[in-house]
Amino acid sequence: MNKLLLVCLLVLAPVSMASADLKIAVVDLSKAFDQYYKTKDAQAKLKEKQDGYQKDIQDLINTYQHMGEEAQALDKAANDATLSAQARQDKSTALTVKKQDLNNLGTKIQEMTTERKREIQDELFRRHKEIVDEISKVINDYSGPQGYDLVIDKSSASAASGVSIVLYNSSKLIDITAEIITLLNKTAPAPGGASPSGAAPTAAVPAHP
């Protein structure tokens, strides 16, 4: 029994020693994402684009409502006994055309609403991925030279349960979130549009608001 215990200790010893030598850090990727200047720029740009889309659609809705009022007037005129038969017929013909125009415009509004919504969702997903990729690269470029063997995102959640993947981390672990945020915002344009170095401002990358 003692020999077996000794063998187990000898086998596990290298693993334990290797684990003890690991240099591990944590980072709050969600916080870094929210405080990255490109994310904030992205939110503003995406909202501006979305507001523009909504205005275009609202203009069409206003036109649709106006055409509806014209259709009601034509319907009333087509049934006005004080008008001649020919006049009522003309109004009825115009009403038929107006109804068709209304149907066409209604279809256009529905299609545009669906298309614009899809465009916003696609761009939101694409920009979100671009920013996360940029942040991940900064973390990788920083972690290697600092000698970290493993960096864990403490804000990650399980896709299956929605529960945080990191349920506990010791305060002894180094949190590099502040350092990463500083590096991300190092090239942020200064107020007024000029970059800190005097170079042209870095182009903003729209992302998930």
C-alpha atoms as a PDB file:
ATOM      1  CA  MET A   1       0.000   0.000   0.000  1.00  0.00           C
ATOM      2  CA  ASN A   2       2.804   2.383   0.885  1.00  0.00           C
ATOM      3  CA  LYS A   3       4.579   1.565  -2.377  1.00  0.00           C
ATOM      4  CA  LEU A   4       1.399   2.280  -4.340  1.00  0.00           C
ATOM      5  CA  LEU A   5       0.959   5.619  -2.558  1.00  0.00           C
ATOM      6  CA  LEU A   6       4.566   6.540  -3.263  1.00  0.00           C
ATOM      7  CA  VAL A   7       4.160   5.708  -6.951  1.00  0.00           C
ATOM      8  CA  CYS A   8       1.030   7.878  -7.177  1.00  0.00           C
ATOM      9  CA  LEU A   9       2.799  10.787  -5.518  1.00  0.00           C
ATOM     10  CA  LEU A  10       5.735  10.481  -7.880  1.00  0.00           C
ATOM     11  CA  VAL A  11       3.427  10.385 -10.909  1.00  0.00           C
ATOM     12  CA  LEU A  12       1.349  13.360  -9.809  1.00  0.00           C
ATOM     13  CA  ALA A  13       4.271  15.440  -8.568  1.00  0.00           C
ATOM     14  CA  PRO A  14       5.383  16.702 -12.018  1.00  0.00           C
ATOM     15  CA  VAL A  15       1.794  17.706 -12.840  1.00  0.00           C
ATOM     16  CA  SER A  16       1.405  19.567  -9.562  1.00  0.00           C
ATOM     17  CA  MET A  17       4.732  21.311  -9.987  1.00  0.00           C
ATOM     18  CA  ALA A  18       3.889  22.285 -13.556  1.00  0.00           C
ATOM     19  CA  SER A  19       0.524  23.677 -12.466  1.00  0.00           C
ATOM     20  CA  ALA A  20       2.162  25.672  -9.718  1.00  0.00           C
ATOM     21  CA  ASP A  21       4.493  27.261 -12.251  1.00  0.00           C
ATOM     22  CA  LEU A  22       1.626  28.440 -14.470  1.00  0.00           C
ATOM     23  CA  LYS A  23       1.132  32.195 -14.573  1.00  0.00           C
ATOM     24  CA  ILE A  24      -2.591  32.864 -14.892  1.00  0.00           C
ATOM     25  CA  ALA A  25      -4.498  36.137 -15.233  1.00  0.00           C
ATOM     26  CA  VAL A  26      -8.130  37.111 -15.660  1.00  0.00           C
ATOM     27  CA  VAL A  27      -9.703  39.782 -17.822  1.00  0.00           C
ATOM     28  CA  ASP A  28     -13.223  41.185 -17.992  1.00  0.00           C
ATOM     29  CA  LEU A  29     -13.792  41.122 -21.746  1.00  0.00           C
ATOM     30  CA  SER A  30     -17.274  42.588 -21.406  1.00  0.00           C
ATOM     31  CA  LYS A  31     -15.934  45.613 -19.519  1.00  0.00           C
ATOM     32  CA  ALA A  32     -13.095  46.051 -22.001  1.00  0.00           C
ATOM     33  CA  PHE A  33     -15.612  45.918 -24.863  1.00  0.00           C
ATOM     34  CA  ASP A  34     -17.875  48.541 -23.275  1.00  0.00           C
ATOM     35  CA  GLN A  35     -15.010  50.927 -22.499  1.00  0.00           C
ATOM     36  CA  TYR A  36     -13.228  50.592 -25.853  1.00  0.00           C
ATOM     37  CA  TYR A  37     -13.524  53.886 -27.714  1.00  0.00           C
ATOM     38  CA  LYS A  38     -14.343  52.124 -30.980  1.00  0.00           C
ATOM     39  CA  THR A  39     -17.349  50.505 -29.339  1.00  0.00           C
ATOM     40  CA  LYS A  40     -18.674  53.885 -28.245  1.00  0.00           C
ATOM     41  CA  ASP A  41     -18.054  55.352 -31.699  1.00  0.00           C
ATOM     42  CA  ALA A  42     -19.800  52.350 -33.188  1.00  0.00           C
ATOM     43  CA  GLN A  43     -22.894  52.812 -31.058  1.00  0.00           C
ATOM     44  CA  ALA A  44     -23.239  56.416 -32.227  1.00  0.00           C
ATOM     45  CA  LYS A  45     -22.677  55.573 -35.901  1.00  0.00           C
ATOM     46  CA  LEU A  46     -25.047  52.615 -35.860  1.00  0.00           C
ATOM     47  CA  LYS A  47     -27.744  54.651 -34.115  1.00  0.00           C
ATOM     48  CA  GLU A  48     -27.345  57.414 -36.710  1.00  0.00           C
ATOM     49  CA  LYS A  49     -27.772  54.869 -39.488  1.00  0.00           C
ATOM     50  CA  GLN A  50     -30.773  53.302 -37.791  1.00  0.00           C
ATOM     51  CA  ASP A  51     -32.393  56.711 -37.264  1.00  0.00           C
ATOM     52  CA  GLY A  52     -31.898  57.439 -40.974  1.00  0.00           C
ATOM     53  CA  TYR A  53     -33.607  54.186 -41.911  1.00  0.00           C
ATOM     54  CA  GLN A  54     -36.502  54.921 -39.564  1.00  0.00           C
ATOM     55  CA  LYS A  55     -36.935  58.375 -41.076  1.00  0.00           C
ATOM     56  CA  ASP A  56     -37.084  56.938 -44.608  1.00  0.00           C
ATOM     57  CA  ILE A  57     -39.709  54.418 -43.525  1.00  0.00           C
ATOM     58  CA  GLN A  58     -41.716  57.032 -41.607  1.00  0.00           C
ATOM     59  CA  ASP A  59     -41.755  59.270 -44.701  1.00  0.00           C
ATOM     60  CA  LEU A  60     -43.283  56.391 -46.666  1.00  0.00           C
ATOM     61  CA  ILE A  61     -45.804  55.760 -43.887  1.00  0.00           C
ATOM     62  CA  ASN A  62     -46.826  59.416 -43.980  1.00  0.00           C
ATOM     63  CA  THR A  63     -47.286  59.167 -47.753  1.00  0.00           C
ATOM     64  CA  TYR A  64     -49.335  55.983 -47.268  1.00  0.00           C
ATOM     65  CA  GLN A  65     -51.608  57.730 -44.763  1.00  0.00           C
ATOM     66  CA  HIS A  66     -52.074  60.698 -47.113  1.00  0.00           C
ATOM     67  CA  MET A  67     -52.950  58.350 -49.980  1.00  0.00           C
ATOM     68  CA  GLY A  68     -55.428  56.619 -47.680  1.00  0.00           C
ATOM     69  CA  GLU A  69     -57.156  59.924 -47.050  1.00  0.00           C
ATOM     70  CA  GLU A  70     -57.313  60.552 -50.813  1.00  0.00           C
ATOM     71  CA  ALA A  71     -58.801  57.094 -51.305  1.00  0.00           C
ATOM     72  CA  GLN A  72     -61.505  57.846 -48.740  1.00  0.00           C
ATOM     73  CA  ALA A  73     -62.343  61.096 -50.543  1.00  0.00           C
ATOM     74  CA  LEU A  74     -62.574  59.265 -53.893  1.00  0.00           C
ATOM     75  CA  ASP A  75     -64.788  56.583 -52.352  1.00  0.00           C
ATOM     76  CA  LYS A  76     -67.107  59.231 -50.974  1.00  0.00           C
ATOM     77  CA  ALA A  77     -67.222  61.012 -54.320  1.00  0.00           C
ATOM     78  CA  ALA A  78     -67.882  57.762 -56.202  1.00  0.00           C
ATOM     79  CA  ASN A  79     -71.041  57.333 -54.117  1.00  0.00           C
ATOM     80  CA  ASP A  80     -72.141  60.973 -54.222  1.00  0.00           C
ATOM     81  CA  ALA A  81     -75.596  61.073 -55.771  1.00  0.00           C
ATOM     82  CA  THR A  82     -75.260  64.781 -56.511  1.00  0.00           C
ATOM     83  CA  LEU A  83     -72.589  64.025 -59.113  1.00  0.00           C
ATOM     84  CA  SER A  84     -73.304  62.861 -62.628  1.00  0.00           C
ATOM     85  CA  ALA A  85     -73.002  59.177 -63.480  1.00  0.00           C
ATOM     86  CA  GLN A  86     -69.881  59.879 -65.544  1.00  0.00           C
ATOM     87  CA  ALA A  87     -68.282  61.842 -62.696  1.00  0.00           C
ATOM     88  CA  ARG A  88     -69.001  59.011 -60.243  1.00  0.00           C
ATOM     89  CA  GLN A  89     -67.543  56.533 -62.716  1.00  0.00           C
ATOM     90  CA  ASP A  90     -64.386  58.618 -63.057  1.00  0.00           C
ATOM     91  CA  LYS A  91     -64.041  58.773 -59.275  1.00  0.00           C
ATOM     92  CA  SER A  92     -64.561  55.025 -59.026  1.00  0.00           C
ATOM     93  CA  THR A  93     -61.865  54.377 -61.641  1.00  0.00           C
ATOM     94  CA  ALA A  94     -59.473  56.726 -59.816  1.00  0.00           C
ATOM     95  CA  LEU A  95     -60.291  54.935 -56.558  1.00  0.00           C
ATOM     96  CA  THR A  96     -59.342  51.572 -58.059  1.00  0.00           C
ATOM     97  CA  VAL A  97     -55.979  52.965 -59.155  1.00  0.00           C
ATOM     98  CA  LYS A  98     -55.447  54.613 -55.753  1.00  0.00           C
ATOM     99  CA  LYS A  99     -56.160  51.342 -53.932  1.00  0.00           C
ATOM    100  CA  GLN A 100     -53.608  49.553 -56.094  1.00  0.00           C
ATOM    101  CA  ASP A 101     -51.072  52.263 -55.350  1.00  0.00           C
ATOM    102  CA  LEU A 102     -51.826  51.848 -51.649  1.00  0.00           C
ATOM    103  CA  ASN A 103     -51.288  48.096 -51.840  1.00  0.00           C
ATOM    104  CA  ASN A 104     -47.997  48.567 -53.688  1.00  0.00           C
ATOM    105  CA  LEU A 105     -46.774  51.149 -51.205  1.00  0.00           C
ATOM    106  CA  GLY A 106     -47.831  48.987 -48.261  1.00  0.00           C
ATOM    107  CA  THR A 107     -45.810  46.084 -49.677  1.00  0.00           C
ATOM    108  CA  LYS A 108     -42.834  48.382 -50.234  1.00  0.00           C
ATOM    109  CA  ILE A 109     -42.969  49.584 -46.611  1.00  0.00           C
ATOM    110  CA  GLN A 110     -43.059  46.014 -45.301  1.00  0.00           C
ATOM    111  CA  GLU A 111     -40.183  44.904 -47.524  1.00  0.00           C
ATOM    112  CA  MET A 112     -38.070  47.954 -46.661  1.00  0.00           C
ATOM    113  CA  THR A 113     -38.684  47.477 -42.919  1.00  0.00           C
ATOM    114  CA  THR A 114     -37.581  43.834 -43.138  1.00  0.00           C
ATOM    115  CA  GLU A 115     -34.559  44.651 -45.308  1.00  0.00           C
ATOM    116  CA  ARG A 116     -33.364  47.533 -43.134  1.00  0.00           C
ATOM    117  CA  LYS A 117     -33.754  45.452 -39.971  1.00  0.00           C
ATOM    118  CA  ARG A 118     -31.672  42.676 -41.525  1.00  0.00           C
ATOM    119  CA  GLU A 119     -28.992  45.148 -42.611  1.00  0.00           C
ATOM    120  CA  ILE A 120     -28.713  46.572 -39.084  1.00  0.00           C
ATOM    121  CA  GLN A 121     -28.510  43.088 -37.545  1.00  0.00           C
ATOM    122  CA  ASP A 122     -25.865  41.950 -40.043  1.00  0.00           C
ATOM    123  CA  GLU A 123     -23.735  45.040 -39.493  1.00  0.00           C
ATOM    124  CA  LEU A 124     -24.158  44.786 -35.737  1.00  0.00           C
ATOM    125  CA  PHE A 125     -22.917  41.181 -35.775  1.00  0.00           C
ATOM    126  CA  ARG A 126     -20.033  41.978 -38.133  1.00  0.00           C
ATOM    127  CA  ARG A 127     -18.838  45.031 -36.206  1.00  0.00           C
ATOM    128  CA  HIS A 128     -19.174  43.204 -32.880  1.00  0.00           C
ATOM    129  CA  LYS A 129     -16.949  40.413 -34.177  1.00  0.00           C
ATOM    130  CA  GLU A 130     -14.372  42.879 -35.535  1.00  0.00           C
ATOM    131  CA  ILE A 131     -14.080  44.657 -32.198  1.00  0.00           C
ATOM    132  CA  VAL A 132     -13.878  41.429 -30.193  1.00  0.00           C
ATOM    133  CA  ASP A 133     -11.149  40.203 -32.560  1.00  0.00           C
ATOM    134  CA  GLU A 134      -9.218  43.454 -32.026  1.00  0.00           C
ATOM    135  CA  ILE A 135      -9.523  43.176 -28.247  1.00  0.00           C
ATOM    136  CA  SER A 136      -8.454  39.522 -28.346  1.00  0.00           C
ATOM    137  CA  LYS A 137      -5.358  40.463 -30.344  1.00  0.00           C
ATOM    138  CA  VAL A 138      -4.415  43.165 -27.830  1.00  0.00           C
ATOM    139  CA  ILE A 139      -4.821  40.644 -25.001  1.00  0.00           C
ATOM    140  CA  ASN A 140      -2.647  38.102 -26.815  1.00  0.00           C
ATOM    141  CA  ASP A 141       0.024  40.669 -27.693  1.00  0.00           C
ATOM    142  CA  TYR A 142       0.120  41.869 -24.085  1.00  0.00           C
ATOM    143  CA  SER A 143      -0.047  38.489 -22.334  1.00  0.00           C
ATOM    144  CA  GLY A 144       2.863  36.769 -24.071  1.00  0.00           C
ATOM    145  CA  PRO A 145       5.573  39.303 -23.209  1.00  0.00           C
ATOM    146  CA  GLN A 146       4.189  39.525 -19.675  1.00  0.00           C
ATOM    147  CA  GLY A 147       4.806  35.800 -19.267  1.00  0.00           C
ATOM    148  CA  TYR A 148       1.209  34.682 -18.794  1.00  0.00           C
ATOM    149  CA  ASP A 149       0.485  31.051 -19.637  1.00  0.00           C
ATOM    150  CA  LEU A 150      -3.281  31.456 -19.461  1.00  0.00           C
ATOM    151  CA  VAL A 151      -5.690  34.398 -19.528  1.00  0.00           C
ATOM    152  CA  ILE A 152      -9.323  33.695 -18.636  1.00  0.00           C
ATOM    153  CA  ASP A 153     -12.292  35.875 -19.539  1.00  0.00           C
ATOM    154  CA  LYS A 154     -14.180  36.109 -16.254  1.00  0.00           C
ATOM    155  CA  SER A 155     -17.211  37.686 -17.961  1.00  0.00           C
ATOM    156  CA  SER A 156     -17.862  34.673 -20.215  1.00  0.00           C
ATOM    157  CA  ALA A 157     -21.079  32.699 -19.785  1.00  0.00           C
ATOM    158  CA  SER A 158     -22.018  29.196 -20.850  1.00  0.00           C
ATOM    159  CA  ALA A 159     -24.003  29.158 -24.078  1.00  0.00           C
ATOM    160  CA  ALA A 160     -26.046  26.240 -22.767  1.00  0.00           C
ATOM    161  CA  SER A 161     -26.986  27.500 -19.303  1.00  0.00           C
ATOM    162  CA  GLY A 162     -26.160  31.198 -19.372  1.00  0.00           C
ATOM    163  CA  VAL A 163     -24.241  30.727 -16.127  1.00  0.00           C
ATOM    164  CA  SER A 164     -20.831  32.340 -15.786  1.00  0.00           C
ATOM    165  CA  ILE A 165     -18.034  29.988 -16.839  1.00  0.00           C
ATOM    166  CA  VAL A 166     -15.768  31.346 -14.107  1.00  0.00           C
ATOM    167  CA  LEU A 167     -17.715  30.725 -10.923  1.00  0.00           C
ATOM    168  CA  TYR A 168     -14.850  31.755  -8.673  1.00  0.00           C
ATOM    169  CA  ASN A 169     -11.412  33.236  -8.990  1.00  0.00           C
ATOM    170  CA  SER A 170      -9.013  34.020  -6.208  1.00  0.00           C
ATOM    171  CA  SER A 171      -8.041  37.611  -5.535  1.00  0.00           C
ATOM    172  CA  LYS A 172      -4.491  36.364  -5.890  1.00  0.00           C
ATOM    173  CA  LEU A 173      -5.014  36.087  -9.646  1.00  0.00           C
ATOM    174  CA  ILE A 174      -3.889  39.165 -11.533  1.00  0.00           C
ATOM    175  CA  ASP A 175      -6.661  41.068 -13.283  1.00  0.00           C
ATOM    176  CA  ILE A 176      -5.304  42.712 -16.446  1.00  0.00           C
ATOM    177  CA  THR A 177      -8.572  44.405 -17.480  1.00  0.00           C
ATOM    178  CA  ALA A 178      -7.359  47.928 -16.677  1.00  0.00           C
ATOM    179  CA  GLU A 179      -4.125  47.426 -18.622  1.00  0.00           C
ATOM    180  CA  ILE A 180      -6.025  46.095 -21.652  1.00  0.00           C
ATOM    181  CA  ILE A 181      -8.470  49.016 -21.624  1.00  0.00           C
ATOM    182  CA  THR A 182      -5.550  51.452 -21.468  1.00  0.00           C
ATOM    183  CA  LEU A 183      -3.901  49.794 -24.464  1.00  0.00           C
ATOM    184  CA  LEU A 184      -7.164  49.737 -26.439  1.00  0.00           C
ATOM    185  CA  ASN A 185      -7.749  53.443 -25.925  1.00  0.00           C
ATOM    186  CA  LYS A 186      -4.139  54.453 -26.496  1.00  0.00           C
ATOM    187  CA  THR A 187      -4.932  55.526 -30.061  1.00  0.00           C
ATOM    188  CA  ALA A 188      -8.306  57.093 -29.291  1.00  0.00           C
ATOM    189  CA  PRO A 189      -8.775  60.447 -31.059  1.00  0.00           C
ATOM    190  CA  ALA A 190      -8.493  63.445 -28.778  1.00  0.00           C
ATOM    191  CA  PRO A 191     -11.525  65.729 -28.367  1.00  0.00           C
ATOM    192  CA  GLY A 192     -11.985  67.682 -31.571  1.00  0.00           C
ATOM    193  CA  GLY A 193     -10.898  64.866 -33.863  1.00  0.00           C
ATOM    194  CA  ALA A 194      -7.105  65.032 -33.578  1.00  0.00           C
ATOM    195  CA  SER A 195      -5.297  61.908 -32.441  1.00  0.00           C
ATOM    196  CA  PRO A 196      -2.879  62.111 -29.461  1.00  0.00           C
ATOM    197  CA  SER A 197       0.122  61.853 -31.778  1.00  0.00           C
ATOM    198  CA  GLY A 198      -1.216  64.384 -34.229  1.00  0.00           C
ATOM    199  CA  ALA A 199      -1.847  61.710 -36.839  1.00  0.00           C
ATOM    200  CA  ALA A 200      -5.152  61.140 -38.542  1.00  0.00           C
ATOM    201  CA  PRO A 201      -7.819  59.706 -36.186  1.00  0.00           C
ATOM    202  CA  THR A 202      -8.378  55.966 -36.297  1.00  0.00           C
ATOM    203  CA  ALA A 203     -11.549  55.104 -38.184  1.00  0.00           C
ATOM    204  CA  ALA A 204     -14.406  54.034 -35.921  1.00  0.00           C
ATOM    205  CA  VAL A 205     -15.738  50.523 -36.213  1.00  0.00           C
ATOM    206  CA  PRO A 206     -19.498  50.257 -35.556  1.00  0.00           C
ATOM    207  CA  ALA A 207     -20.506  47.509 -33.131  1.00  0.00           C
ATOM    208  CA  HIS A 208     -23.374  46.200 -30.957  1.00  0.00           C
ATOM    209  CA  PRO A 209     -24.851  49.089 -29.004  1.00  0.00           C
END
